[in-house]
Amino acid sequence: MNPPSLRFPRLPCLPAPRHGLTIRTRLALLNSAVFMAGGGAILALAWLSAREIIDKHRSMLTAASVPATPPAGAGAAPPNPHPATPRSAVAAREFSAFQDEVLADLLRWSFVILVAFLALSLLATWWTARQSLGRIGRVTAAARHIGEGNLDARLALVGPQDEVKELGDTFDTMLDRLERSFTDQRRFAAHASHELRTPIALQRAALEIPLIQGRVPTDLEPDIRRALAATERSEALISALLALARGESGILTPRPTDLADLARSAITDIRAETDQNDVRLEADLQWAQVAGDITLLAQLVANLVANAVRHNVPGGSVHVRTGTTGSGAFVEVSNTGPTIDPADLPDLFKPFRRGTRRGKGSGLGLSVVRSVTDTHHGILSARPNAVGGGLTLRVDIPASGA
């Protein structure tokens, strides 16, 4: 069984599971229930009123249906169709049948009309709710997909100036404030890092020159070397901060770039550390061209390789692969090393996290990898290795990643 893996798509927000009926369906059912109750009450009242009216005038209508007794000597009366039943009883029975038929027809047609109008009410309410709530769906989709990497996206809702339009405009205003805040933060980090490079470089030169010239007393040399090592770490941290700020800025200079060439350069640069740490480095570099920012992609590949070498064990190994996919290219780096709990994977990509080993590096390596991947619309995957410990990191970049 493969160990659990972690994937970082550019837009990691996933839709929340939907339980129960939608709002527009509930509105349609509620409106239909109210209409059904009101319409049923009105029709029941009409039916009862008709019955009461007919009953109230029963005696008058029955009397009108019985012929008057002919005057004496006017001739013989017509034969009685029901000799054993008085004529008034026959008329009452016929009128009762007439009343039942009228009330039955009234009830039947009232029910048909009620059902027809109920269906119309249901459809009209559902359509109206869908038209109104459809714009809320756009707000929901935007909130689900807009992240730090695409804060420039806006809803720009159209339609009447109602509560939904006000919600969309408020959401756009919030995005404006967030974008300005993130932009100012990135600009500050970039400017501060850039301004610090010069004094750090001067400090490093001031420490290296006396050491090279042999002008440092023997008892002070260990302290000078420790200060020089601290200066080198500060310089690496500043370079990483600059790369992180540039990666998050989204400002790219796309050019055709072969990830295999970048991997070869990264392997050459890290070769001294592999020998020093007794780490075996293997490479399977196939052509892997994408359109991206060469500087940022070189930093991404170099960080992947350096992370795999530095977070390893003596006698361990690092395997680097590049190649193409159906939609772009990939670089994959796998190493041996400490066993990693899948629950700890997200923390490895946070700034200033160095895992379990305190060695070279600023703790920003994988943060830069994730930032550059997002900027190039790629996908970063991480998977703990089931055998030998360590981690397998893979970055997929689309052919036109910028």
Protein backbone atom coordinates (compact mmCIF):
# COMPACT_ATOMS: atom_id res chain seq x y z
CA MET A 1 0.00 0.00 0.00
CA ASN A 2 1.36 3.41 -0.94
CA PRO A 3 1.84 5.87 1.92
CA PRO A 4 -0.42 8.90 2.08
CA SER A 5 0.61 11.87 -0.04
CA LEU A 6 -0.02 15.58 0.04
CA ARG A 7 -0.86 17.64 -3.03
CA PHE A 8 -0.77 21.39 -3.28
CA PRO A 9 -2.82 22.56 -6.29
CA ARG A 10 -2.67 26.23 -7.10
CA LEU A 11 -6.19 26.71 -5.76
CA PRO A 12 -6.43 24.31 -2.83
CA CYS A 13 -9.82 25.35 -1.53
CA LEU A 14 -12.37 22.52 -1.90
CA PRO A 15 -16.14 22.87 -1.93
CA ALA A 16 -17.83 22.04 1.31
CA PRO A 17 -20.16 19.03 1.13
CA ARG A 18 -23.79 20.05 0.65
CA HIS A 19 -26.38 18.46 2.89
CA GLY A 20 -30.15 18.80 2.52
CA LEU A 21 -32.12 20.98 0.14
CA THR A 22 -30.86 24.14 -1.49
CA ILE A 23 -32.18 27.53 -0.44
CA ARG A 24 -34.15 28.04 -3.65
CA THR A 25 -35.79 24.63 -3.25
CA ARG A 26 -36.72 25.40 0.35
CA LEU A 27 -38.11 28.80 -0.68
CA ALA A 28 -40.16 27.21 -3.45
CA LEU A 29 -41.54 24.53 -1.12
CA LEU A 30 -42.30 27.06 1.62
CA ASN A 31 -44.09 29.40 -0.76
CA SER A 32 -46.04 26.48 -2.24
CA ALA A 33 -47.01 25.26 1.21
CA VAL A 34 -48.30 28.72 2.14
CA PHE A 35 -50.16 28.97 -1.17
CA MET A 36 -51.62 25.48 -0.68
CA ALA A 37 -52.79 26.30 2.82
CA GLY A 38 -54.27 29.67 1.82
CA GLY A 39 -55.83 28.40 -1.41
CA GLY A 40 -57.24 25.33 0.32
CA ALA A 41 -58.76 27.47 3.05
CA ILE A 42 -60.38 29.80 0.50
CA LEU A 43 -61.79 26.93 -1.58
CA ALA A 44 -63.08 25.16 1.54
CA LEU A 45 -64.77 28.36 2.63
CA ALA A 46 -66.32 28.76 -0.84
CA TRP A 47 -67.59 25.17 -0.77
CA LEU A 48 -69.10 25.57 2.70
CA SER A 49 -70.65 28.91 1.71
CA ALA A 50 -72.24 27.39 -1.40
CA ARG A 51 -73.62 24.53 0.65
CA GLU A 52 -75.02 26.90 3.26
CA ILE A 53 -76.63 29.09 0.60
CA ILE A 54 -78.27 26.10 -1.06
CA ASP A 55 -79.51 24.73 2.28
CA LYS A 56 -80.84 28.14 3.26
CA HIS A 57 -82.99 28.34 0.12
CA ARG A 58 -83.94 24.67 0.04
CA SER A 59 -87.57 25.21 1.14
CA MET A 60 -88.13 27.94 -1.41
CA LEU A 61 -86.61 25.98 -4.28
CA THR A 62 -88.45 22.78 -3.27
CA ALA A 63 -91.79 24.57 -3.03
CA ALA A 64 -91.22 26.10 -6.43
CA SER A 65 -90.66 22.69 -7.92
CA VAL A 66 -94.06 21.31 -6.63
CA PRO A 67 -97.04 22.28 -8.89
CA ALA A 68 -99.94 24.03 -7.16
CA THR A 69 -103.18 22.11 -6.48
CA PRO A 70 -105.65 22.81 -9.32
CA PRO A 71 -108.82 24.62 -8.30
CA ALA A 72 -111.98 22.66 -7.87
CA GLY A 73 -113.74 21.89 -11.11
CA ALA A 74 -110.66 22.70 -13.16
CA GLY A 75 -110.40 19.15 -14.33
CA ALA A 76 -108.64 16.05 -13.21
CA ALA A 77 -105.11 16.36 -11.77
CA PRO A 78 -102.24 14.86 -13.75
CA PRO A 79 -101.34 11.35 -12.73
CA ASN A 80 -98.90 11.14 -9.80
CA PRO A 81 -95.65 9.44 -10.92
CA HIS A 82 -95.19 8.15 -7.39
CA PRO A 83 -98.64 7.35 -6.18
CA ALA A 84 -97.43 6.24 -2.78
CA THR A 85 -95.17 9.27 -2.21
CA PRO A 86 -96.27 12.82 -1.72
CA ARG A 87 -95.16 15.17 -4.47
CA SER A 88 -93.19 17.39 -2.00
CA ALA A 89 -91.05 14.42 -0.87
CA VAL A 90 -90.16 13.61 -4.46
CA ALA A 91 -89.09 17.18 -5.07
CA ALA A 92 -86.95 17.19 -1.91
CA ARG A 93 -85.19 14.00 -2.95
CA GLU A 94 -84.48 15.32 -6.43
CA PHE A 95 -83.20 18.56 -4.99
CA SER A 96 -80.84 16.66 -2.63
CA ALA A 97 -79.39 14.79 -5.61
CA PHE A 98 -78.99 18.09 -7.46
CA GLN A 99 -77.27 19.63 -4.41
CA ASP A 100 -74.82 16.72 -4.08
CA GLU A 101 -73.93 16.90 -7.76
CA VAL A 102 -73.34 20.67 -7.65
CA LEU A 103 -71.18 20.47 -4.51
CA ALA A 104 -69.21 17.51 -5.91
CA ASP A 105 -68.50 19.38 -9.15
CA LEU A 106 -67.49 22.47 -7.16
CA LEU A 107 -65.11 20.42 -4.98
CA ARG A 108 -63.59 18.61 -7.96
CA TRP A 109 -62.95 21.70 -10.02
CA SER A 110 -61.69 23.58 -6.99
CA PHE A 111 -59.13 20.83 -6.38
CA VAL A 112 -58.01 20.88 -10.03
CA ILE A 113 -57.62 24.66 -10.02
CA LEU A 114 -55.76 24.54 -6.69
CA VAL A 115 -53.29 21.92 -7.99
CA ALA A 116 -52.71 23.84 -11.22
CA PHE A 117 -52.01 27.11 -9.44
CA LEU A 118 -49.85 25.28 -6.89
CA ALA A 119 -47.65 23.97 -9.70
CA LEU A 120 -47.41 27.43 -11.23
CA SER A 121 -46.53 28.90 -7.84
CA LEU A 122 -43.85 26.27 -7.30
CA LEU A 123 -42.23 26.88 -10.68
CA ALA A 124 -42.45 30.67 -10.42
CA THR A 125 -40.93 30.73 -6.94
CA TRP A 126 -38.14 28.31 -7.88
CA TRP A 127 -37.27 30.29 -11.02
CA THR A 128 -37.27 33.63 -9.16
CA ALA A 129 -35.13 32.20 -6.35
CA ARG A 130 -32.74 30.71 -8.89
CA GLN A 131 -32.31 34.03 -10.66
CA SER A 132 -31.62 35.84 -7.38
CA LEU A 133 -29.51 33.20 -5.68
CA GLY A 134 -27.51 32.41 -8.80
CA ARG A 135 -25.44 35.52 -8.16
CA ILE A 136 -24.86 34.37 -4.59
CA GLY A 137 -23.50 31.18 -6.15
CA ARG A 138 -20.92 33.30 -7.96
CA VAL A 139 -19.89 34.85 -4.65
CA THR A 140 -19.57 31.37 -3.13
CA ALA A 141 -17.50 30.08 -6.04
CA ALA A 142 -15.21 33.10 -5.88
CA ALA A 143 -14.72 32.76 -2.12
CA ARG A 144 -13.91 29.09 -2.67
CA HIS A 145 -11.30 29.63 -5.37
CA ILE A 146 -9.75 33.05 -4.75
CA GLY A 147 -6.57 32.69 -2.74
CA GLU A 148 -3.32 34.47 -2.12
CA GLY A 149 -2.13 33.66 -5.62
CA ASN A 150 -5.03 35.32 -7.48
CA LEU A 151 -6.25 38.18 -5.31
CA ASP A 152 -6.63 40.30 -8.44
CA ALA A 153 -9.81 38.40 -9.39
CA ARG A 154 -13.09 40.27 -8.87
CA LEU A 155 -16.77 39.36 -9.00
CA ALA A 156 -18.10 42.49 -10.73
CA LEU A 157 -21.69 41.35 -10.24
CA VAL A 158 -24.31 42.82 -12.55
CA GLY A 159 -28.02 43.12 -11.95
CA PRO A 160 -30.38 45.16 -9.83
CA GLN A 161 -29.10 47.06 -6.83
CA ASP A 162 -30.38 44.59 -4.28
CA GLU A 163 -28.88 42.77 -1.29
CA VAL A 164 -27.03 40.29 -3.52
CA LYS A 165 -25.39 43.09 -5.51
CA GLU A 166 -24.41 44.79 -2.25
CA LEU A 167 -22.85 41.52 -1.02
CA GLY A 168 -20.82 41.15 -4.23
CA ASP A 169 -19.59 44.76 -4.11
CA THR A 170 -18.61 44.33 -0.46
CA PHE A 171 -16.70 41.16 -1.34
CA ASP A 172 -14.83 43.01 -4.12
CA THR A 173 -13.95 45.81 -1.69
CA MET A 174 -12.58 43.27 0.77
CA LEU A 175 -10.45 41.73 -1.99
CA ASP A 176 -9.10 45.19 -2.83
CA ARG A 177 -7.96 45.65 0.76
CA LEU A 178 -6.45 42.17 0.93
CA GLU A 179 -4.59 42.63 -2.35
CA ARG A 180 -3.12 45.94 -1.20
CA SER A 181 -2.11 44.39 2.11
CA PHE A 182 -0.37 41.41 0.50
CA THR A 183 1.28 43.62 -2.10
CA ASP A 184 2.65 45.97 0.56
CA GLN A 185 3.89 43.02 2.60
CA ARG A 186 5.69 41.45 -0.34
CA ARG A 187 7.14 44.79 -1.41
CA PHE A 188 8.45 45.41 2.09
CA ALA A 189 10.04 41.94 2.28
CA ALA A 190 11.67 42.40 -1.12
CA HIS A 191 12.95 45.90 -0.38
CA ALA A 192 14.20 44.99 3.09
CA SER A 193 15.97 41.90 1.78
CA HIS A 194 17.52 43.84 -1.07
CA GLU A 195 18.75 46.61 1.22
CA LEU A 196 20.29 44.08 3.61
CA ARG A 197 22.34 42.35 0.93
CA THR A 198 24.92 45.12 0.67
CA PRO A 199 25.83 45.43 4.38
CA ILE A 200 25.86 41.62 4.72
CA ALA A 201 28.20 41.35 1.73
CA LEU A 202 30.48 44.01 3.22
CA GLN A 203 30.48 42.22 6.57
CA ARG A 204 31.39 38.95 4.91
CA ALA A 205 34.23 40.57 2.98
CA ALA A 206 35.51 42.22 6.17
CA LEU A 207 35.72 38.80 7.82
CA GLU A 208 37.10 36.84 4.85
CA ILE A 209 39.93 39.20 3.89
CA PRO A 210 41.78 39.04 7.25
CA LEU A 211 41.37 35.26 7.29
CA ILE A 212 42.77 34.89 3.77
CA GLN A 213 45.66 37.24 4.51
CA GLY A 214 46.46 35.49 7.78
CA ARG A 215 46.13 38.67 9.85
CA VAL A 216 43.79 37.14 12.44
CA PRO A 217 45.35 36.05 15.77
CA THR A 218 45.16 32.32 16.36
CA ASP A 219 43.02 32.67 19.46
CA LEU A 220 40.46 34.82 17.58
CA GLU A 221 40.28 32.70 14.44
CA PRO A 222 37.51 30.30 15.74
CA ASP A 223 35.35 33.27 16.67
CA ILE A 224 35.93 34.93 13.29
CA ARG A 225 35.01 31.73 11.49
CA ARG A 226 31.81 31.37 13.54
CA ALA A 227 30.92 34.98 12.70
CA LEU A 228 31.64 34.28 9.03
CA ALA A 229 29.39 31.17 9.12
CA ALA A 230 26.61 33.24 10.73
CA THR A 231 27.07 35.85 8.02
CA GLU A 232 26.78 33.19 5.32
CA ARG A 233 23.55 31.92 6.89
CA SER A 234 22.18 35.46 6.98
CA GLU A 235 23.11 35.91 3.32
CA ALA A 236 21.34 32.65 2.41
CA LEU A 237 18.28 33.73 4.39
CA ILE A 238 18.13 37.07 2.60
CA SER A 239 18.45 35.36 -0.80
CA ALA A 240 15.64 32.98 0.15
CA LEU A 241 13.43 35.86 1.27
CA LEU A 242 14.03 37.63 -2.03
CA ALA A 243 13.14 34.47 -3.96
CA LEU A 244 10.03 33.96 -1.82
CA ALA A 245 8.90 37.57 -2.30
CA ARG A 246 9.46 37.39 -6.04
CA GLY A 247 7.73 34.04 -6.29
CA GLU A 248 4.66 35.40 -4.49
CA SER A 249 4.57 38.59 -6.54
CA GLY A 250 3.31 36.78 -9.64
CA ILE A 251 5.55 38.93 -11.85
CA LEU A 252 7.26 36.58 -14.30
CA THR A 253 9.50 36.76 -17.32
CA PRO A 254 8.48 33.58 -19.16
CA ARG A 255 10.94 31.93 -21.52
CA PRO A 256 11.36 28.37 -22.81
CA THR A 257 13.10 26.48 -20.03
CA ASP A 258 14.29 22.88 -19.81
CA LEU A 259 13.87 21.53 -16.27
CA ALA A 260 16.50 18.88 -17.06
CA ASP A 261 19.17 21.56 -17.63
CA LEU A 262 18.20 23.26 -14.38
CA ALA A 263 18.46 19.93 -12.56
CA ARG A 264 21.96 19.30 -13.98
CA SER A 265 23.10 22.71 -12.74
CA ALA A 266 21.61 22.10 -9.30
CA ILE A 267 23.33 18.70 -9.07
CA THR A 268 26.67 20.22 -10.04
CA ASP A 269 26.31 22.95 -7.41
CA ILE A 270 25.41 20.50 -4.63
CA ARG A 271 28.06 17.90 -5.50
CA ALA A 272 30.46 19.04 -2.77
CA GLU A 273 27.78 18.57 -0.11
CA THR A 274 26.86 15.12 -1.36
CA ASP A 275 30.48 14.01 -0.99
CA GLN A 276 30.75 15.64 2.41
CA ASN A 277 27.54 14.03 3.71
CA ASP A 278 28.23 10.64 2.07
CA VAL A 279 25.05 10.82 -0.01
CA ARG A 280 24.76 9.05 -3.37
CA LEU A 281 23.01 11.15 -6.01
CA GLU A 282 21.41 9.54 -9.05
CA ALA A 283 19.70 11.33 -11.93
CA ASP A 284 17.35 10.34 -14.73
CA LEU A 285 17.00 13.58 -16.64
CA GLN A 286 14.76 13.56 -19.69
CA TRP A 287 13.83 16.58 -21.78
CA ALA A 288 11.26 18.63 -19.87
CA GLN A 289 10.63 22.01 -21.46
CA VAL A 290 8.14 24.54 -20.11
CA ALA A 291 7.56 28.26 -20.54
CA GLY A 292 8.43 29.92 -17.26
CA ASP A 293 10.69 32.26 -15.35
CA ILE A 294 14.16 30.71 -15.56
CA THR A 295 15.45 32.34 -12.38
CA LEU A 296 12.51 31.18 -10.26
CA LEU A 297 12.42 27.69 -11.76
CA ALA A 298 16.16 27.32 -11.18
CA GLN A 299 15.62 28.28 -7.55
CA LEU A 300 12.79 25.75 -7.31
CA VAL A 301 14.89 22.86 -8.66
CA ALA A 302 17.94 23.85 -6.60
CA ASN A 303 15.85 23.95 -3.41
CA LEU A 304 14.38 20.51 -4.12
CA VAL A 305 17.82 18.95 -4.65
CA ALA A 306 19.44 20.77 -1.71
CA ASN A 307 16.59 19.80 0.60
CA ALA A 308 16.92 16.14 -0.40
CA VAL A 309 20.71 16.15 0.24
CA ARG A 310 20.70 18.05 3.51
CA HIS A 311 17.77 16.16 5.06
CA ASN A 312 19.29 12.75 4.54
CA VAL A 313 21.32 10.15 6.40
CA PRO A 314 24.97 9.09 5.95
CA GLY A 315 25.11 6.51 3.18
CA GLY A 316 21.71 7.61 1.91
CA SER A 317 20.68 8.42 -1.62
CA VAL A 318 18.91 11.06 -3.71
CA HIS A 319 17.17 10.36 -6.99
CA VAL A 320 16.28 13.20 -9.38
CA ARG A 321 13.95 12.71 -12.33
CA THR A 322 12.60 15.02 -15.02
CA GLY A 323 10.28 14.35 -17.92
CA THR A 324 7.16 15.40 -19.76
CA THR A 325 3.47 14.81 -19.13
CA GLY A 326 0.45 15.24 -21.30
CA SER A 327 0.09 18.89 -20.31
CA GLY A 328 3.63 19.96 -19.43
CA ALA A 329 6.71 18.71 -17.60
CA PHE A 330 7.74 17.60 -14.14
CA VAL A 331 10.70 17.38 -11.80
CA GLU A 332 10.71 14.75 -9.05
CA VAL A 333 13.22 14.40 -6.23
CA SER A 334 13.22 11.46 -3.83
CA ASN A 335 15.59 10.86 -0.93
CA THR A 336 16.23 8.58 1.99
CA GLY A 337 16.22 9.98 5.49
CA PRO A 338 14.19 10.19 8.66
CA THR A 339 10.73 8.65 8.62
CA ILE A 340 8.13 11.39 8.17
CA ASP A 341 4.65 11.26 9.63
CA PRO A 342 2.07 12.15 6.92
CA ALA A 343 0.39 14.44 9.46
CA ASP A 344 3.59 16.55 9.55
CA LEU A 345 3.71 17.13 5.78
CA PRO A 346 1.84 20.49 5.76
CA ASP A 347 4.28 21.93 8.33
CA LEU A 348 7.27 21.25 6.06
CA PHE A 349 6.00 23.84 3.59
CA LYS A 350 5.58 26.61 6.14
CA PRO A 351 8.30 29.28 6.37
CA PHE A 352 11.24 28.62 8.71
CA ARG A 353 10.45 24.94 9.19
CA ARG A 354 13.55 22.73 8.97
CA GLY A 355 12.13 19.36 9.94
CA THR A 356 14.09 17.29 12.41
CA ARG A 357 17.56 18.28 11.23
CA ARG A 358 19.29 21.56 12.00
CA GLY A 359 21.83 22.04 9.28
CA LYS A 360 22.41 24.40 6.41
CA GLY A 361 19.50 26.30 5.04
CA SER A 362 17.14 29.03 6.14
CA GLY A 363 13.97 26.98 6.57
CA LEU A 364 12.45 28.66 3.51
CA GLY A 365 13.44 26.11 0.85
CA LEU A 366 10.13 24.29 0.49
CA SER A 367 8.17 27.51 1.05
CA VAL A 368 9.94 28.94 -2.00
CA VAL A 369 9.20 25.74 -3.93
CA ARG A 370 5.51 25.98 -3.17
CA SER A 371 5.37 29.70 -3.96
CA VAL A 372 7.13 29.32 -7.33
CA THR A 373 4.91 26.33 -8.17
CA ASP A 374 1.77 28.35 -7.47
CA THR A 375 3.06 31.27 -9.53
CA HIS A 376 3.57 28.96 -12.50
CA HIS A 377 0.09 27.39 -12.07
CA GLY A 378 1.66 24.06 -11.20
CA ILE A 379 0.94 21.28 -8.69
CA LEU A 380 3.26 20.31 -5.85
CA SER A 381 2.95 16.77 -4.48
CA ALA A 382 4.64 15.34 -1.38
CA ARG A 383 4.69 11.69 -0.30
CA PRO A 384 6.60 9.99 2.53
CA ASN A 385 8.58 7.01 1.30
CA ALA A 386 7.43 3.63 2.58
CA VAL A 387 10.93 2.12 2.39
CA GLY A 388 14.09 3.88 3.54
CA GLY A 389 12.33 6.91 4.98
CA GLY A 390 12.66 10.32 3.45
CA LEU A 391 10.32 12.10 1.10
CA THR A 392 9.34 12.19 -2.56
CA LEU A 393 8.56 15.66 -3.90
CA ARG A 394 7.18 16.23 -7.37
CA VAL A 395 6.37 19.47 -9.15
CA ASP A 396 4.22 19.43 -12.30
CA ILE A 397 4.42 22.59 -14.41
CA PRO A 398 2.06 23.14 -17.37
CA ALA A 399 3.68 23.73 -20.74
CA SER A 400 2.73 27.40 -20.55
CA GLY A 401 3.14 27.87 -16.84
CA ALA A 402 3.48 31.63 -16.70
